[in-house]
């Protein structure tokens, strides 16, 4: 079973300007096999994380979903705002 929290954290920390302010948490839902991964970054890194038209965050979501194919899980990646 992959560690989605570590995977997403690695990708996000290499994208943003303030990697020390990145917080990634994951939570498994009961029953459905869905893993919710939440990302929190500094305010000035929000645009860098989302990218133009959401291209960057969609790529991060795609990476997480690709890692979830073999174990047969579902992963949702969300950005938390302060």
PDB file of N, CA and C in Angstrom:
ATOM      1  N   UNK A   1       0.851  -1.179   0.000  1.00  0.00           N
ATOM      2  CA  UNK A   1       0.000   0.000   0.000  1.00  0.00           C
ATOM      3  C   UNK A   1       0.895   1.240   0.000  1.00  0.00           C
ATOM      4  N   UNK A   2       0.762   2.090  -1.009  1.00  0.00           N
ATOM      5  CA  UNK A   2       1.623   3.271  -1.112  1.00  0.00           C
ATOM      6  C   UNK A   2       1.324   4.303  -0.024  1.00  0.00           C
ATOM      7  N   UNK A   3       2.325   5.080   0.307  1.00  0.00           N
ATOM      8  CA  UNK A   3       2.161   6.180   1.251  1.00  0.00           C
ATOM      9  C   UNK A   3       1.883   7.442   0.432  1.00  0.00           C
ATOM     10  N   UNK A   4       0.599   7.725   0.227  1.00  0.00           N
ATOM     11  CA  UNK A   4       0.195   8.855  -0.606  1.00  0.00           C
ATOM     12  C   UNK A   4       0.627  10.184   0.009  1.00  0.00           C
ATOM     13  N   UNK A   5       0.627  10.252   1.320  1.00  0.00           N
ATOM     14  CA  UNK A   5       1.029  11.478   2.010  1.00  0.00           C
ATOM     15  C   UNK A   5       2.483  11.816   1.683  1.00  0.00           C
ATOM     16  N   UNK A   6       3.352  10.829   1.730  1.00  0.00           N
ATOM     17  CA  UNK A   6       4.765  11.044   1.432  1.00  0.00           C
ATOM     18  C   UNK A   6       4.975  11.381  -0.043  1.00  0.00           C
ATOM     19  N   UNK A   7       4.248  10.719  -0.924  1.00  0.00           N
ATOM     20  CA  UNK A   7       4.353  10.970  -2.359  1.00  0.00           C
ATOM     21  C   UNK A   7       3.963  12.401  -2.704  1.00  0.00           C
ATOM     22  N   UNK A   8       2.797  12.828  -2.229  1.00  0.00           N
ATOM     23  CA  UNK A   8       2.316  14.184  -2.513  1.00  0.00           C
ATOM     24  C   UNK A   8       3.222  15.218  -1.856  1.00  0.00           C
ATOM     25  N   UNK A   9       3.671  14.949  -0.646  1.00  0.00           N
ATOM     26  CA  UNK A   9       4.563  15.879   0.055  1.00  0.00           C
ATOM     27  C   UNK A   9       5.858  16.077  -0.719  1.00  0.00           C
ATOM     28  N   UNK A  10       6.434  15.008  -1.240  1.00  0.00           N
ATOM     29  CA  UNK A  10       7.677  15.103  -2.008  1.00  0.00           C
ATOM     30  C   UNK A  10       7.488  15.990  -3.238  1.00  0.00           C
ATOM     31  N   UNK A  11       6.408  15.774  -3.970  1.00  0.00           N
ATOM     32  CA  UNK A  11       6.162  16.551  -5.184  1.00  0.00           C
ATOM     33  C   UNK A  11       5.933  18.024  -4.851  1.00  0.00           C
ATOM     34  N   UNK A  12       5.085  18.288  -3.859  1.00  0.00           N
ATOM     35  CA  UNK A  12       4.734  19.673  -3.516  1.00  0.00           C
ATOM     36  C   UNK A  12       5.943  20.425  -2.976  1.00  0.00           C
ATOM     37  N   UNK A  13       6.735  19.800  -2.114  1.00  0.00           N
ATOM     38  CA  UNK A  13       7.911  20.482  -1.545  1.00  0.00           C
ATOM     39  C   UNK A  13       8.924  20.871  -2.615  1.00  0.00           C
ATOM     40  N   UNK A  14       8.954  20.152  -3.726  1.00  0.00           N
ATOM     41  CA  UNK A  14       9.880  20.485  -4.808  1.00  0.00           C
ATOM     42  C   UNK A  14       9.313  21.514  -5.773  1.00  0.00           C
ATOM     43  N   UNK A  15       8.056  21.898  -5.603  1.00  0.00           N
ATOM     44  CA  UNK A  15       7.435  22.899  -6.467  1.00  0.00           C
ATOM     45  C   UNK A  15       7.427  24.273  -5.819  1.00  0.00           C
ATOM     46  N   UNK A  16       7.122  24.349  -4.533  1.00  0.00           N
ATOM     47  CA  UNK A  16       6.900  25.630  -3.863  1.00  0.00           C
ATOM     48  C   UNK A  16       8.209  26.309  -3.475  1.00  0.00           C
ATOM     49  N   UNK A  17       8.108  27.611  -3.178  1.00  0.00           N
ATOM     50  CA  UNK A  17       9.278  28.394  -2.767  1.00  0.00           C
ATOM     51  C   UNK A  17       9.584  28.224  -1.278  1.00  0.00           C
ATOM     52  N   UNK A  18       8.557  27.897  -0.472  1.00  0.00           N
ATOM     53  CA  UNK A  18       8.731  27.717   0.976  1.00  0.00           C
ATOM     54  C   UNK A  18       8.398  26.277   1.370  1.00  0.00           C
ATOM     55  N   UNK A  19       9.304  25.340   1.128  1.00  0.00           N
ATOM     56  CA  UNK A  19       8.991  23.939   1.408  1.00  0.00           C
ATOM     57  C   UNK A  19       8.803  23.629   2.888  1.00  0.00           C
ATOM     58  N   UNK A  20       9.341  24.470   3.775  1.00  0.00           N
ATOM     59  CA  UNK A  20       9.186  24.227   5.213  1.00  0.00           C
ATOM     60  C   UNK A  20       7.768  24.499   5.695  1.00  0.00           C
ATOM     61  N   UNK A  21       6.989  25.243   4.916  1.00  0.00           N
ATOM     62  CA  UNK A  21       5.624  25.573   5.316  1.00  0.00           C
ATOM     63  C   UNK A  21       4.586  24.644   4.683  1.00  0.00           C
ATOM     64  N   UNK A  22       5.031  23.583   4.045  1.00  0.00           N
ATOM     65  CA  UNK A  22       4.117  22.623   3.428  1.00  0.00           C
ATOM     66  C   UNK A  22       3.676  21.603   4.475  1.00  0.00           C
ATOM     67  N   UNK A  23       2.365  21.400   4.560  1.00  0.00           N
ATOM     68  CA  UNK A  23       1.801  20.386   5.447  1.00  0.00           C
ATOM     69  C   UNK A  23       0.885  19.492   4.624  1.00  0.00           C
ATOM     70  N   UNK A  24       1.164  18.213   4.639  1.00  0.00           N
ATOM     71  CA  UNK A  24       0.338  17.250   3.913  1.00  0.00           C
ATOM     72  C   UNK A  24      -0.170  16.223   4.915  1.00  0.00           C
ATOM     73  N   UNK A  25      -1.482  16.039   4.938  1.00  0.00           N
ATOM     74  CA  UNK A  25      -2.097  15.050   5.824  1.00  0.00           C
ATOM     75  C   UNK A  25      -2.966  14.125   4.992  1.00  0.00           C
ATOM     76  N   UNK A  26      -3.130  12.903   5.471  1.00  0.00           N
ATOM     77  CA  UNK A  26      -3.997  11.958   4.778  1.00  0.00           C
ATOM     78  C   UNK A  26      -4.921  11.298   5.792  1.00  0.00           C
ATOM     79  N   UNK A  27      -6.089  10.923   5.279  1.00  0.00           N
ATOM     80  CA  UNK A  27      -7.097  10.293   6.137  1.00  0.00           C
ATOM     81  C   UNK A  27      -7.835   9.262   5.299  1.00  0.00           C
ATOM     82  N   UNK A  28      -7.947   8.058   5.826  1.00  0.00           N
ATOM     83  CA  UNK A  28      -8.700   7.000   5.149  1.00  0.00           C
ATOM     84  C   UNK A  28     -10.144   7.024   5.617  1.00  0.00           C
ATOM     85  N   UNK A  29     -11.053   6.990   4.653  1.00  0.00           N
ATOM     86  CA  UNK A  29     -12.465   6.954   5.023  1.00  0.00           C
ATOM     87  C   UNK A  29     -12.826   5.519   5.397  1.00  0.00           C
ATOM     88  N   UNK A  30     -13.774   5.389   6.265  1.00  0.00           N
ATOM     89  CA  UNK A  30     -14.178   4.056   6.700  1.00  0.00           C
ATOM     90  C   UNK A  30     -15.101   3.431   5.667  1.00  0.00           C
ATOM     91  N   UNK A  31     -14.786   2.229   5.279  1.00  0.00           N
ATOM     92  CA  UNK A  31     -15.658   1.492   4.379  1.00  0.00           C
ATOM     93  C   UNK A  31     -15.349   1.633   2.912  1.00  0.00           C
ATOM     94  N   UNK A  32     -15.287   2.846   2.388  1.00  0.00           N
ATOM     95  CA  UNK A  32     -15.185   3.049   0.950  1.00  0.00           C
ATOM     96  C   UNK A  32     -13.810   2.849   0.352  1.00  0.00           C
ATOM     97  N   UNK A  33     -12.777   2.784   1.148  1.00  0.00           N
ATOM     98  CA  UNK A  33     -11.431   2.646   0.624  1.00  0.00           C
ATOM     99  C   UNK A  33     -10.914   3.902  -0.042  1.00  0.00           C
ATOM    100  N   UNK A  34     -11.438   5.058   0.355  1.00  0.00           N
ATOM    101  CA  UNK A  34     -11.012   6.332  -0.216  1.00  0.00           C
ATOM    102  C   UNK A  34     -10.001   6.976   0.730  1.00  0.00           C
ATOM    103  N   UNK A  35      -8.908   7.450   0.157  1.00  0.00           N
ATOM    104  CA  UNK A  35      -7.889   8.149   0.939  1.00  0.00           C
ATOM    105  C   UNK A  35      -7.973   9.622   0.560  1.00  0.00           C
ATOM    106  N   UNK A  36      -8.190  10.479   1.551  1.00  0.00           N
ATOM    107  CA  UNK A  36      -8.249  11.928   1.343  1.00  0.00           C
ATOM    108  C   UNK A  36      -6.907  12.529   1.749  1.00  0.00           C
ATOM    109  N   UNK A  37      -6.248  13.164   0.800  1.00  0.00           N
ATOM    110  CA  UNK A  37      -4.963  13.820   1.054  1.00  0.00           C
ATOM    111  C   UNK A  37      -5.195  15.323   0.989  1.00  0.00           C
ATOM    112  N   UNK A  38      -4.788  16.033   2.046  1.00  0.00           N
ATOM    113  CA  UNK A  38      -4.972  17.481   2.123  1.00  0.00           C
ATOM    114  C   UNK A  38      -3.621  18.173   2.123  1.00  0.00           C
ATOM    115  N   UNK A  39      -3.532  19.243   1.335  1.00  0.00           N
ATOM    116  CA  UNK A  39      -2.290  20.002   1.207  1.00  0.00           C
ATOM    117  C   UNK A  39      -2.526  21.409   1.737  1.00  0.00           C
ATOM    118  N   UNK A  40      -1.594  21.884   2.554  1.00  0.00           N
ATOM    119  CA  UNK A  40      -1.630  23.264   3.034  1.00  0.00           C
ATOM    120  C   UNK A  40      -0.262  23.874   2.756  1.00  0.00           C
ATOM    121  N   UNK A  41      -0.250  25.022   2.049  1.00  0.00           N
ATOM    122  CA  UNK A  41       1.004  25.707   1.724  1.00  0.00           C
ATOM    123  C   UNK A  41       0.900  27.165   2.155  1.00  0.00           C
ATOM    124  N   UNK A  42       2.025  27.863   2.100  1.00  0.00           N
ATOM    125  CA  UNK A  42       2.035  29.300   2.407  1.00  0.00           C
ATOM    126  C   UNK A  42       1.204  30.032   1.361  1.00  0.00           C
ATOM    127  N   UNK A  43       0.652  31.173   1.740  1.00  0.00           N
ATOM    128  CA  UNK A  43      -0.208  31.941   0.851  1.00  0.00           C
ATOM    129  C   UNK A  43       0.441  32.324  -0.458  1.00  0.00           C
ATOM    130  N   UNK A  44       1.715  32.681  -0.414  1.00  0.00           N
ATOM    131  CA  UNK A  44       2.385  33.094  -1.647  1.00  0.00           C
ATOM    132  C   UNK A  44       2.694  31.914  -2.572  1.00  0.00           C
ATOM    133  N   UNK A  45       2.601  30.688  -2.058  1.00  0.00           N
ATOM    134  CA  UNK A  45       2.846  29.504  -2.877  1.00  0.00           C
ATOM    135  C   UNK A  45       1.571  28.912  -3.470  1.00  0.00           C
ATOM    136  N   UNK A  46       0.431  29.467  -3.124  1.00  0.00           N
ATOM    137  CA  UNK A  46      -0.841  28.913  -3.589  1.00  0.00           C
ATOM    138  C   UNK A  46      -0.930  28.921  -5.120  1.00  0.00           C
ATOM    139  N   UNK A  47      -0.562  30.019  -5.734  1.00  0.00           N
ATOM    140  CA  UNK A  47      -0.612  30.115  -7.188  1.00  0.00           C
ATOM    141  C   UNK A  47       0.352  29.151  -7.860  1.00  0.00           C
ATOM    142  N   UNK A  48       1.500  28.972  -7.264  1.00  0.00           N
ATOM    143  CA  UNK A  48       2.498  28.055  -7.805  1.00  0.00           C
ATOM    144  C   UNK A  48       1.992  26.610  -7.715  1.00  0.00           C
ATOM    145  N   UNK A  49       1.285  26.285  -6.636  1.00  0.00           N
ATOM    146  CA  UNK A  49       0.752  24.941  -6.448  1.00  0.00           C
ATOM    147  C   UNK A  49      -0.388  24.653  -7.426  1.00  0.00           C
ATOM    148  N   UNK A  50      -1.243  25.629  -7.644  1.00  0.00           N
ATOM    149  CA  UNK A  50      -2.385  25.430  -8.538  1.00  0.00           C
ATOM    150  C   UNK A  50      -1.940  25.459  -9.996  1.00  0.00           C
ATOM    151  N   UNK A  51      -1.105  26.404 -10.360  1.00  0.00           N
ATOM    152  CA  UNK A  51      -0.625  26.513 -11.732  1.00  0.00           C
ATOM    153  C   UNK A  51      -1.660  27.180 -12.621  1.00  0.00           C
ATOM    154  N   UNK A  52      -1.266  27.461 -13.853  1.00  0.00           N
ATOM    155  CA  UNK A  52      -2.187  28.102 -14.790  1.00  0.00           C
ATOM    156  C   UNK A  52      -3.310  27.134 -15.129  1.00  0.00           C
ATOM    157  N   UNK A  53      -4.523  27.616 -14.920  1.00  0.00           N
ATOM    158  CA  UNK A  53      -5.733  26.834 -15.188  1.00  0.00           C
ATOM    159  C   UNK A  53      -5.762  25.512 -14.421  1.00  0.00           C
ATOM    160  N   UNK A  54      -5.031  25.430 -13.313  1.00  0.00           N
ATOM    161  CA  UNK A  54      -5.060  24.233 -12.481  1.00  0.00           C
ATOM    162  C   UNK A  54      -4.227  23.082 -12.997  1.00  0.00           C
ATOM    163  N   UNK A  55      -3.318  23.374 -13.906  1.00  0.00           N
ATOM    164  CA  UNK A  55      -2.530  22.305 -14.520  1.00  0.00           C
ATOM    165  C   UNK A  55      -1.648  21.584 -13.501  1.00  0.00           C
ATOM    166  N   UNK A  56      -1.005  22.322 -12.612  1.00  0.00           N
ATOM    167  CA  UNK A  56      -0.081  21.711 -11.654  1.00  0.00           C
ATOM    168  C   UNK A  56      -0.808  20.836 -10.652  1.00  0.00           C
ATOM    169  N   UNK A  57      -1.883  21.336 -10.051  1.00  0.00           N
ATOM    170  CA  UNK A  57      -2.602  20.532  -9.063  1.00  0.00           C
ATOM    171  C   UNK A  57      -3.257  19.323  -9.727  1.00  0.00           C
ATOM    172  N   UNK A  58      -3.701  19.474 -10.954  1.00  0.00           N
ATOM    173  CA  UNK A  58      -4.274  18.328 -11.658  1.00  0.00           C
ATOM    174  C   UNK A  58      -3.221  17.265 -11.939  1.00  0.00           C
ATOM    175  N   UNK A  59      -1.986  17.678 -12.210  1.00  0.00           N
ATOM    176  CA  UNK A  59      -0.903  16.722 -12.416  1.00  0.00           C
ATOM    177  C   UNK A  59      -0.578  15.988 -11.117  1.00  0.00           C
ATOM    178  N   UNK A  60      -0.605  16.697  -9.993  1.00  0.00           N
ATOM    179  CA  UNK A  60      -0.363  16.062  -8.690  1.00  0.00           C
ATOM    180  C   UNK A  60      -1.468  15.058  -8.402  1.00  0.00           C
ATOM    181  N   UNK A  61      -2.704  15.413  -8.690  1.00  0.00           N
ATOM    182  CA  UNK A  61      -3.827  14.484  -8.494  1.00  0.00           C
ATOM    183  C   UNK A  61      -3.665  13.249  -9.375  1.00  0.00           C
ATOM    184  N   UNK A  62      -3.208  13.436 -10.595  1.00  0.00           N
ATOM    185  CA  UNK A  62      -3.018  12.327 -11.515  1.00  0.00           C
ATOM    186  C   UNK A  62      -1.932  11.374 -11.021  1.00  0.00           C
ATOM    187  N   UNK A  63      -0.844  11.916 -10.475  1.00  0.00           N
ATOM    188  CA  UNK A  63       0.229  11.086  -9.924  1.00  0.00           C
ATOM    189  C   UNK A  63      -0.295  10.246  -8.769  1.00  0.00           C
ATOM    190  N   UNK A  64      -1.064  10.871  -7.870  1.00  0.00           N
ATOM    191  CA  UNK A  64      -1.610  10.144  -6.724  1.00  0.00           C
ATOM    192  C   UNK A  64      -2.582   9.060  -7.177  1.00  0.00           C
ATOM    193  N   UNK A  65      -3.417   9.369  -8.149  1.00  0.00           N
ATOM    194  CA  UNK A  65      -4.380   8.382  -8.645  1.00  0.00           C
ATOM    195  C   UNK A  65      -3.676   7.241  -9.361  1.00  0.00           C
ATOM    196  N   UNK A  66      -2.588   7.539 -10.063  1.00  0.00           N
ATOM    197  CA  UNK A  66      -1.820   6.491 -10.738  1.00  0.00           C
ATOM    198  C   UNK A  66      -1.188   5.545  -9.721  1.00  0.00           C
ATOM    199  N   UNK A  67      -0.737   6.082  -8.595  1.00  0.00           N
ATOM    200  CA  UNK A  67      -0.156   5.240  -7.550  1.00  0.00           C
ATOM    201  C   UNK A  67      -1.208   4.368  -6.885  1.00  0.00           C
ATOM    202  N   UNK A  68      -2.475   4.769  -6.973  1.00  0.00           N
ATOM    203  CA  UNK A  68      -3.557   4.029  -6.318  1.00  0.00           C
ATOM    204  C   UNK A  68      -4.173   2.945  -7.192  1.00  0.00           C
ATOM    205  N   UNK A  69      -3.741   2.853  -8.439  1.00  0.00           N
ATOM    206  CA  UNK A  69      -4.354   1.885  -9.358  1.00  0.00           C
ATOM    207  C   UNK A  69      -4.059   0.445  -8.935  1.00  0.00           C
ATOM    208  N   UNK A  70      -2.813   0.126  -8.701  1.00  0.00           N
ATOM    209  CA  UNK A  70      -2.440  -1.259  -8.386  1.00  0.00           C
ATOM    210  C   UNK A  70      -3.082  -1.770  -7.099  1.00  0.00           C
ATOM    211  N   UNK A  71      -3.082  -0.983  -6.005  1.00  0.00           N
ATOM    212  CA  UNK A  71      -3.764  -1.484  -4.797  1.00  0.00           C
ATOM    213  C   UNK A  71      -5.285  -1.391  -4.880  1.00  0.00           C
ATOM    214  N   UNK A  72      -5.818  -0.783  -5.946  1.00  0.00           N
ATOM    215  CA  UNK A  72      -7.266  -0.700  -6.115  1.00  0.00           C
ATOM    216  C   UNK A  72      -7.941   0.284  -5.177  1.00  0.00           C
ATOM    217  N   UNK A  73      -7.248   1.367  -4.855  1.00  0.00           N
ATOM    218  CA  UNK A  73      -7.803   2.376  -3.959  1.00  0.00           C
ATOM    219  C   UNK A  73      -8.190   3.620  -4.753  1.00  0.00           C
ATOM    220  N   UNK A  74      -8.869   4.523  -4.079  1.00  0.00           N
ATOM    221  CA  UNK A  74      -9.222   5.810  -4.668  1.00  0.00           C
ATOM    222  C   UNK A  74      -8.589   6.895  -3.812  1.00  0.00           C
ATOM    223  N   UNK A  75      -7.994   7.892  -4.464  1.00  0.00           N
ATOM    224  CA  UNK A  75      -7.320   8.972  -3.760  1.00  0.00           C
ATOM    225  C   UNK A  75      -7.906  10.305  -4.202  1.00  0.00           C
ATOM    226  N   UNK A  76      -8.249  11.137  -3.236  1.00  0.00           N
ATOM    227  CA  UNK A  76      -8.699  12.509  -3.499  1.00  0.00           C
ATOM    228  C   UNK A  76      -7.667  13.459  -2.913  1.00  0.00           C
ATOM    229  N   UNK A  77      -7.192  14.402  -3.716  1.00  0.00           N
ATOM    230  CA  UNK A  77      -6.200  15.384  -3.268  1.00  0.00           C
ATOM    231  C   UNK A  77      -6.873  16.745  -3.253  1.00  0.00           C
ATOM    232  N   UNK A  78      -6.854  17.405  -2.098  1.00  0.00           N
ATOM    233  CA  UNK A  78      -7.470  18.704  -1.929  1.00  0.00           C
ATOM    234  C   UNK A  78      -6.462  19.708  -1.381  1.00  0.00           C
ATOM    235  N   UNK A  79      -6.709  20.988  -1.687  1.00  0.00           N
ATOM    236  CA  UNK A  79      -5.891  22.081  -1.153  1.00  0.00           C
ATOM    237  C   UNK A  79      -6.695  22.767  -0.058  1.00  0.00           C
ATOM    238  N   UNK A  80      -6.085  22.943   1.095  1.00  0.00           N
ATOM    239  CA  UNK A  80      -6.732  23.658   2.204  1.00  0.00           C
ATOM    240  C   UNK A  80      -6.253  25.094   2.215  1.00  0.00           C
ATOM    241  N   UNK A  81      -7.184  26.018   2.394  1.00  0.00           N
ATOM    242  CA  UNK A  81      -6.847  27.432   2.469  1.00  0.00           C
ATOM    243  C   UNK A  81      -6.939  27.902   3.917  1.00  0.00           C
ATOM    244  N   UNK A  82      -6.119  28.885   4.251  1.00  0.00           N
ATOM    245  CA  UNK A  82      -6.166  29.456   5.615  1.00  0.00           C
ATOM    246  C   UNK A  82      -7.259  30.480   5.719  1.00  0.00           C
TER     247      UNK A  82
END
